[in-house]
Amino acid sequence: MLVSSPSSPLPETSSPAPLAATIDLFLADIGPRAFRFAEAGLRHREDALDAVQDAMMKMLAYREHPAAEWSPLFWSILRRRIIDMQRRAGFRLRWLLPTGDRGEESPVDWAPDHGAGPAQAHDQREAYARLVQALRALPNRQREAFTLRVLEELDVADTARAMGCSEGSVKTHLSRARDALQRQLEEFR
């Protein structure tokens, strides 16, 4: 399963999505959001695609589990994969690569929203880029808590299970993330 770039520049908030009927539908639905999550944590497009694809492949082994367990399980698998890749990146000799090959400052290549006009599409891409930049500035645990609770709309218990911590820790990380994001994003108004 290959993951393509997300086509919607801003996440929509709505009621929790109904459970997918099959693992394939679940993975197709979660793919773009998972890519954005991984890309924010890894800061490199190709690494993010690899992490999501690896998580999806591992998730196939859990197809017999109840559909209600798929979301926290997937996010837990993806989170662990991202952490592994971050650790390995620390051992790479990235400083030997030419500046253009590092991928740390490369722009995000999002497909435009075809339903919006050029000005609105530009504003949405700009707002999303600011959000991604603000999320990247957060410590890993705060970014994970915010993404899983707010953007993915997982409940506290599922978020705690995905992050491998207590529910109280999730609430603390989320509160700190919201405070930091509010301070960072107020500068852009």
C-alpha atoms as a PDB file:
ATOM      1  CA  MET A   1       0.000   0.000   0.000  1.00  0.00           C
ATOM      2  CA  LEU A   2       1.437   3.299  -0.992  1.00  0.00           C
ATOM      3  CA  VAL A   3       0.555   6.488   0.794  1.00  0.00           C
ATOM      4  CA  SER A   4      -0.086   9.546  -1.314  1.00  0.00           C
ATOM      5  CA  SER A   5       0.204  13.149  -0.259  1.00  0.00           C
ATOM      6  CA  PRO A   6      -2.837  14.502   1.532  1.00  0.00           C
ATOM      7  CA  SER A   7      -5.091  16.685  -0.579  1.00  0.00           C
ATOM      8  CA  SER A   8      -6.730  18.715   2.164  1.00  0.00           C
ATOM      9  CA  PRO A   9      -4.436  21.348   3.641  1.00  0.00           C
ATOM     10  CA  LEU A  10      -6.361  21.782   6.900  1.00  0.00           C
ATOM     11  CA  PRO A  11      -7.842  19.035   9.058  1.00  0.00           C
ATOM     12  CA  GLU A  12     -11.562  19.179   9.558  1.00  0.00           C
ATOM     13  CA  THR A  13     -13.041  18.759  12.999  1.00  0.00           C
ATOM     14  CA  SER A  14     -16.227  16.775  13.188  1.00  0.00           C
ATOM     15  CA  SER A  15     -17.765  13.943  15.127  1.00  0.00           C
ATOM     16  CA  PRO A  16     -15.718  10.749  15.277  1.00  0.00           C
ATOM     17  CA  ALA A  17     -15.750   8.857  12.006  1.00  0.00           C
ATOM     18  CA  PRO A  18     -17.648   5.580  11.814  1.00  0.00           C
ATOM     19  CA  LEU A  19     -15.540   2.438  12.036  1.00  0.00           C
ATOM     20  CA  ALA A  20     -14.183   1.136   8.738  1.00  0.00           C
ATOM     21  CA  ALA A  21     -15.661  -2.122   7.499  1.00  0.00           C
ATOM     22  CA  THR A  22     -12.297  -3.558   6.434  1.00  0.00           C
ATOM     23  CA  ILE A  23      -8.672  -2.982   7.296  1.00  0.00           C
ATOM     24  CA  ASP A  24      -8.079  -1.767   3.732  1.00  0.00           C
ATOM     25  CA  LEU A  25     -10.716   0.961   4.085  1.00  0.00           C
ATOM     26  CA  PHE A  26      -9.321   1.897   7.479  1.00  0.00           C
ATOM     27  CA  LEU A  27      -5.786   2.255   6.100  1.00  0.00           C
ATOM     28  CA  ALA A  28      -6.989   4.209   3.064  1.00  0.00           C
ATOM     29  CA  ASP A  29      -8.833   6.632   5.330  1.00  0.00           C
ATOM     30  CA  ILE A  30      -6.055   7.111   7.869  1.00  0.00           C
ATOM     31  CA  GLY A  31      -3.190   7.336   5.353  1.00  0.00           C
ATOM     32  CA  PRO A  32      -3.170  11.104   4.658  1.00  0.00           C
ATOM     33  CA  ARG A  33      -3.487  12.001   8.346  1.00  0.00           C
ATOM     34  CA  ALA A  34      -0.791   9.502   9.265  1.00  0.00           C
ATOM     35  CA  PHE A  35       1.500  11.021   6.653  1.00  0.00           C
ATOM     36  CA  ARG A  36       1.038  14.511   8.101  1.00  0.00           C
ATOM     37  CA  PHE A  37       1.714  13.147  11.608  1.00  0.00           C
ATOM     38  CA  ALA A  38       4.870  11.355  10.476  1.00  0.00           C
ATOM     39  CA  GLU A  39       6.072  14.280   8.378  1.00  0.00           C
ATOM     40  CA  ALA A  40       5.737  16.634  11.337  1.00  0.00           C
ATOM     41  CA  GLY A  41       7.792  14.270  13.490  1.00  0.00           C
ATOM     42  CA  LEU A  42      10.434  13.280  10.955  1.00  0.00           C
ATOM     43  CA  ARG A  43      10.642  16.514   8.929  1.00  0.00           C
ATOM     44  CA  HIS A  44      11.513  14.575   5.827  1.00  0.00           C
ATOM     45  CA  ARG A  45       8.931  13.598   3.249  1.00  0.00           C
ATOM     46  CA  GLU A  46      10.472  10.290   2.168  1.00  0.00           C
ATOM     47  CA  ASP A  47      11.084   9.163   5.744  1.00  0.00           C
ATOM     48  CA  ALA A  48       7.471   9.999   6.593  1.00  0.00           C
ATOM     49  CA  LEU A  49       6.198   7.962   3.655  1.00  0.00           C
ATOM     50  CA  ASP A  50       8.406   5.042   4.721  1.00  0.00           C
ATOM     51  CA  ALA A  51       7.211   5.239   8.332  1.00  0.00           C
ATOM     52  CA  VAL A  52       3.544   5.271   7.335  1.00  0.00           C
ATOM     53  CA  GLN A  53       3.985   2.433   4.881  1.00  0.00           C
ATOM     54  CA  ASP A  54       5.844   0.351   7.500  1.00  0.00           C
ATOM     55  CA  ALA A  55       3.093   1.028  10.058  1.00  0.00           C
ATOM     56  CA  MET A  56       0.431   0.033   7.538  1.00  0.00           C
ATOM     57  CA  MET A  57       2.237  -3.197   6.731  1.00  0.00           C
ATOM     58  CA  LYS A  58       2.508  -4.061  10.437  1.00  0.00           C
ATOM     59  CA  MET A  59      -1.144  -3.161  10.913  1.00  0.00           C
ATOM     60  CA  LEU A  60      -2.164  -5.857   8.432  1.00  0.00           C
ATOM     61  CA  ALA A  61      -1.145  -8.454  11.006  1.00  0.00           C
ATOM     62  CA  TYR A  62      -3.915  -7.090  13.267  1.00  0.00           C
ATOM     63  CA  ARG A  63      -6.743  -7.315  10.742  1.00  0.00           C
ATOM     64  CA  GLU A  64      -8.519  -9.906  12.903  1.00  0.00           C
ATOM     65  CA  HIS A  65      -8.702  -7.522  15.878  1.00  0.00           C
ATOM     66  CA  PRO A  66     -11.969  -5.639  16.420  1.00  0.00           C
ATOM     67  CA  ALA A  67     -12.243  -2.482  14.288  1.00  0.00           C
ATOM     68  CA  ALA A  68     -12.592  -0.350  17.425  1.00  0.00           C
ATOM     69  CA  GLU A  69      -8.997  -1.260  18.352  1.00  0.00           C
ATOM     70  CA  TRP A  70      -7.456  -0.388  14.974  1.00  0.00           C
ATOM     71  CA  SER A  71      -7.072   3.372  15.455  1.00  0.00           C
ATOM     72  CA  PRO A  72      -5.148   3.433  18.760  1.00  0.00           C
ATOM     73  CA  LEU A  73      -3.165   0.389  17.665  1.00  0.00           C
ATOM     74  CA  PHE A  74      -2.188   2.006  14.359  1.00  0.00           C
ATOM     75  CA  TRP A  75      -1.149   5.273  16.015  1.00  0.00           C
ATOM     76  CA  SER A  76       0.919   3.348  18.544  1.00  0.00           C
ATOM     77  CA  ILE A  77       2.693   1.421  15.781  1.00  0.00           C
ATOM     78  CA  LEU A  78       3.316   4.585  13.761  1.00  0.00           C
ATOM     79  CA  ARG A  79       4.559   6.497  16.800  1.00  0.00           C
ATOM     80  CA  ARG A  80       7.058   3.748  17.641  1.00  0.00           C
ATOM     81  CA  ARG A  81       8.243   3.653  14.030  1.00  0.00           C
ATOM     82  CA  ILE A  82       8.775   7.434  14.029  1.00  0.00           C
ATOM     83  CA  ILE A  83      10.750   7.235  17.277  1.00  0.00           C
ATOM     84  CA  ASP A  84      12.925   4.469  15.801  1.00  0.00           C
ATOM     85  CA  MET A  85      13.600   6.550  12.704  1.00  0.00           C
ATOM     86  CA  GLN A  86      14.385   9.639  14.798  1.00  0.00           C
ATOM     87  CA  ARG A  87      16.902   7.645  16.816  1.00  0.00           C
ATOM     88  CA  ARG A  88      18.542   6.265  13.694  1.00  0.00           C
ATOM     89  CA  ALA A  89      18.706   9.732  12.181  1.00  0.00           C
ATOM     90  CA  GLY A  90      20.764  10.805  15.182  1.00  0.00           C
ATOM     91  CA  PHE A  91      23.399   8.255  14.195  1.00  0.00           C
ATOM     92  CA  ARG A  92      23.507   9.226  10.536  1.00  0.00           C
ATOM     93  CA  LEU A  93      26.187  11.540   9.355  1.00  0.00           C
ATOM     94  CA  ARG A  94      23.691  14.008   7.923  1.00  0.00           C
ATOM     95  CA  TRP A  95      26.207  16.818   8.015  1.00  0.00           C
ATOM     96  CA  LEU A  96      28.095  15.130   5.174  1.00  0.00           C
ATOM     97  CA  LEU A  97      25.160  15.540   2.819  1.00  0.00           C
ATOM     98  CA  PRO A  98      24.859  18.666   0.691  1.00  0.00           C
ATOM     99  CA  THR A  99      22.440  21.173   2.198  1.00  0.00           C
ATOM    100  CA  GLY A 100      19.745  20.525  -0.427  1.00  0.00           C
ATOM    101  CA  ASP A 101      19.703  16.776   0.316  1.00  0.00           C
ATOM    102  CA  ARG A 102      19.076  17.076   4.046  1.00  0.00           C
ATOM    103  CA  GLY A 103      15.359  17.653   3.602  1.00  0.00           C
ATOM    104  CA  GLU A 104      15.092  19.572   6.866  1.00  0.00           C
ATOM    105  CA  GLU A 105      14.020  22.836   5.290  1.00  0.00           C
ATOM    106  CA  SER A 106      12.367  21.551   2.140  1.00  0.00           C
ATOM    107  CA  PRO A 107       8.890  22.921   1.517  1.00  0.00           C
ATOM    108  CA  VAL A 108       5.911  20.651   1.973  1.00  0.00           C
ATOM    109  CA  ASP A 109       4.428  19.712  -1.388  1.00  0.00           C
ATOM    110  CA  TRP A 110       0.677  19.565  -0.760  1.00  0.00           C
ATOM    111  CA  ALA A 111      -1.761  19.154  -3.590  1.00  0.00           C
ATOM    112  CA  PRO A 112      -4.124  22.134  -3.862  1.00  0.00           C
ATOM    113  CA  ASP A 113      -7.763  21.944  -2.847  1.00  0.00           C
ATOM    114  CA  HIS A 114      -9.589  21.980  -6.183  1.00  0.00           C
ATOM    115  CA  GLY A 115     -12.780  23.304  -4.604  1.00  0.00           C
ATOM    116  CA  ALA A 116     -11.167  26.528  -3.418  1.00  0.00           C
ATOM    117  CA  GLY A 117     -10.138  29.540  -5.435  1.00  0.00           C
ATOM    118  CA  PRO A 118      -6.451  30.386  -5.814  1.00  0.00           C
ATOM    119  CA  ALA A 119      -6.454  32.974  -3.017  1.00  0.00           C
ATOM    120  CA  GLN A 120      -8.285  30.690  -0.590  1.00  0.00           C
ATOM    121  CA  ALA A 121      -6.054  27.740  -1.495  1.00  0.00           C
ATOM    122  CA  HIS A 122      -2.990  29.914  -0.886  1.00  0.00           C
ATOM    123  CA  ASP A 123      -4.326  31.075   2.485  1.00  0.00           C
ATOM    124  CA  GLN A 124      -5.099  27.490   3.504  1.00  0.00           C
ATOM    125  CA  ARG A 125      -1.622  26.275   2.505  1.00  0.00           C
ATOM    126  CA  GLU A 126      -0.048  29.181   4.368  1.00  0.00           C
ATOM    127  CA  ALA A 127      -2.124  28.526   7.498  1.00  0.00           C
ATOM    128  CA  TYR A 128      -1.330  24.830   7.367  1.00  0.00           C
ATOM    129  CA  ALA A 129       2.385  25.555   6.907  1.00  0.00           C
ATOM    130  CA  ARG A 130       2.271  27.767  10.018  1.00  0.00           C
ATOM    131  CA  LEU A 131       0.518  25.011  11.971  1.00  0.00           C
ATOM    132  CA  VAL A 132       3.076  22.425  10.841  1.00  0.00           C
ATOM    133  CA  GLN A 133       5.917  24.782  11.772  1.00  0.00           C
ATOM    134  CA  ALA A 134       4.367  25.381  15.196  1.00  0.00           C
ATOM    135  CA  LEU A 135       3.817  21.638  15.712  1.00  0.00           C
ATOM    136  CA  ARG A 136       7.427  20.919  14.767  1.00  0.00           C
ATOM    137  CA  ALA A 137       8.608  23.359  17.422  1.00  0.00           C
ATOM    138  CA  LEU A 138       6.814  21.388  20.140  1.00  0.00           C
ATOM    139  CA  PRO A 139       8.546  18.623  22.098  1.00  0.00           C
ATOM    140  CA  ASN A 140       7.712  15.186  20.663  1.00  0.00           C
ATOM    141  CA  ARG A 141       5.315  14.105  23.430  1.00  0.00           C
ATOM    142  CA  GLN A 142       3.362  17.368  23.263  1.00  0.00           C
ATOM    143  CA  ARG A 143       3.107  17.136  19.460  1.00  0.00           C
ATOM    144  CA  GLU A 144       1.920  13.539  19.685  1.00  0.00           C
ATOM    145  CA  ALA A 145      -0.676  14.319  22.345  1.00  0.00           C
ATOM    146  CA  PHE A 146      -2.031  17.293  20.386  1.00  0.00           C
ATOM    147  CA  THR A 147      -2.156  15.432  17.091  1.00  0.00           C
ATOM    148  CA  LEU A 148      -3.829  12.328  18.469  1.00  0.00           C
ATOM    149  CA  ARG A 149      -6.320  14.111  20.750  1.00  0.00           C
ATOM    150  CA  VAL A 150      -7.206  17.180  18.673  1.00  0.00           C
ATOM    151  CA  LEU A 151      -6.535  16.302  15.053  1.00  0.00           C
ATOM    152  CA  GLU A 152      -7.299  12.576  15.227  1.00  0.00           C
ATOM    153  CA  GLU A 153      -9.994  12.976  17.887  1.00  0.00           C
ATOM    154  CA  LEU A 154      -8.918   9.924  19.887  1.00  0.00           C
ATOM    155  CA  ASP A 155     -10.223   9.863  23.438  1.00  0.00           C
ATOM    156  CA  VAL A 156      -7.830  10.213  26.373  1.00  0.00           C
ATOM    157  CA  ALA A 157      -7.663   6.467  27.053  1.00  0.00           C
ATOM    158  CA  ASP A 158      -6.857   5.563  23.431  1.00  0.00           C
ATOM    159  CA  THR A 159      -4.299   8.367  23.213  1.00  0.00           C
ATOM    160  CA  ALA A 160      -2.637   7.145  26.394  1.00  0.00           C
ATOM    161  CA  ARG A 161      -2.546   3.619  25.000  1.00  0.00           C
ATOM    162  CA  ALA A 162      -1.080   4.828  21.682  1.00  0.00           C
ATOM    163  CA  MET A 163       1.557   6.959  23.437  1.00  0.00           C
ATOM    164  CA  GLY A 164       2.371   4.350  26.076  1.00  0.00           C
ATOM    165  CA  CYS A 165       1.752   6.664  29.029  1.00  0.00           C
ATOM    166  CA  SER A 166      -0.920   7.464  31.614  1.00  0.00           C
ATOM    167  CA  GLU A 167      -4.081   9.439  30.909  1.00  0.00           C
ATOM    168  CA  GLY A 168      -2.830  12.155  33.248  1.00  0.00           C
ATOM    169  CA  SER A 169       0.347  12.483  31.179  1.00  0.00           C
ATOM    170  CA  VAL A 170      -1.728  12.854  28.024  1.00  0.00           C
ATOM    171  CA  LYS A 171      -3.715  15.671  29.618  1.00  0.00           C
ATOM    172  CA  THR A 172      -0.540  17.404  30.797  1.00  0.00           C
ATOM    173  CA  HIS A 173       1.172  17.120  27.407  1.00  0.00           C
ATOM    174  CA  LEU A 174      -1.975  18.323  25.647  1.00  0.00           C
ATOM    175  CA  SER A 175      -2.364  21.325  27.931  1.00  0.00           C
ATOM    176  CA  ARG A 176       1.250  22.339  27.421  1.00  0.00           C
ATOM    177  CA  ALA A 177       0.969  21.841  23.674  1.00  0.00           C
ATOM    178  CA  ARG A 178      -2.144  24.013  23.456  1.00  0.00           C
ATOM    179  CA  ASP A 179      -0.460  26.775  25.463  1.00  0.00           C
ATOM    180  CA  ALA A 180       2.678  26.670  23.300  1.00  0.00           C
ATOM    181  CA  LEU A 181       0.706  26.576  20.045  1.00  0.00           C
ATOM    182  CA  GLN A 182      -1.472  29.455  21.127  1.00  0.00           C
ATOM    183  CA  ARG A 183       1.602  31.571  21.888  1.00  0.00           C
ATOM    184  CA  GLN A 184       3.291  30.632  18.602  1.00  0.00           C
ATOM    185  CA  LEU A 185       0.249  31.093  16.382  1.00  0.00           C
ATOM    186  CA  GLU A 186      -0.749  34.432  17.943  1.00  0.00           C
ATOM    187  CA  GLU A 187       2.410  35.882  16.398  1.00  0.00           C
ATOM    188  CA  PHE A 188       1.032  35.186  12.901  1.00  0.00           C
ATOM    189  CA  ARG A 189      -2.215  37.106  13.317  1.00  0.00           C
END
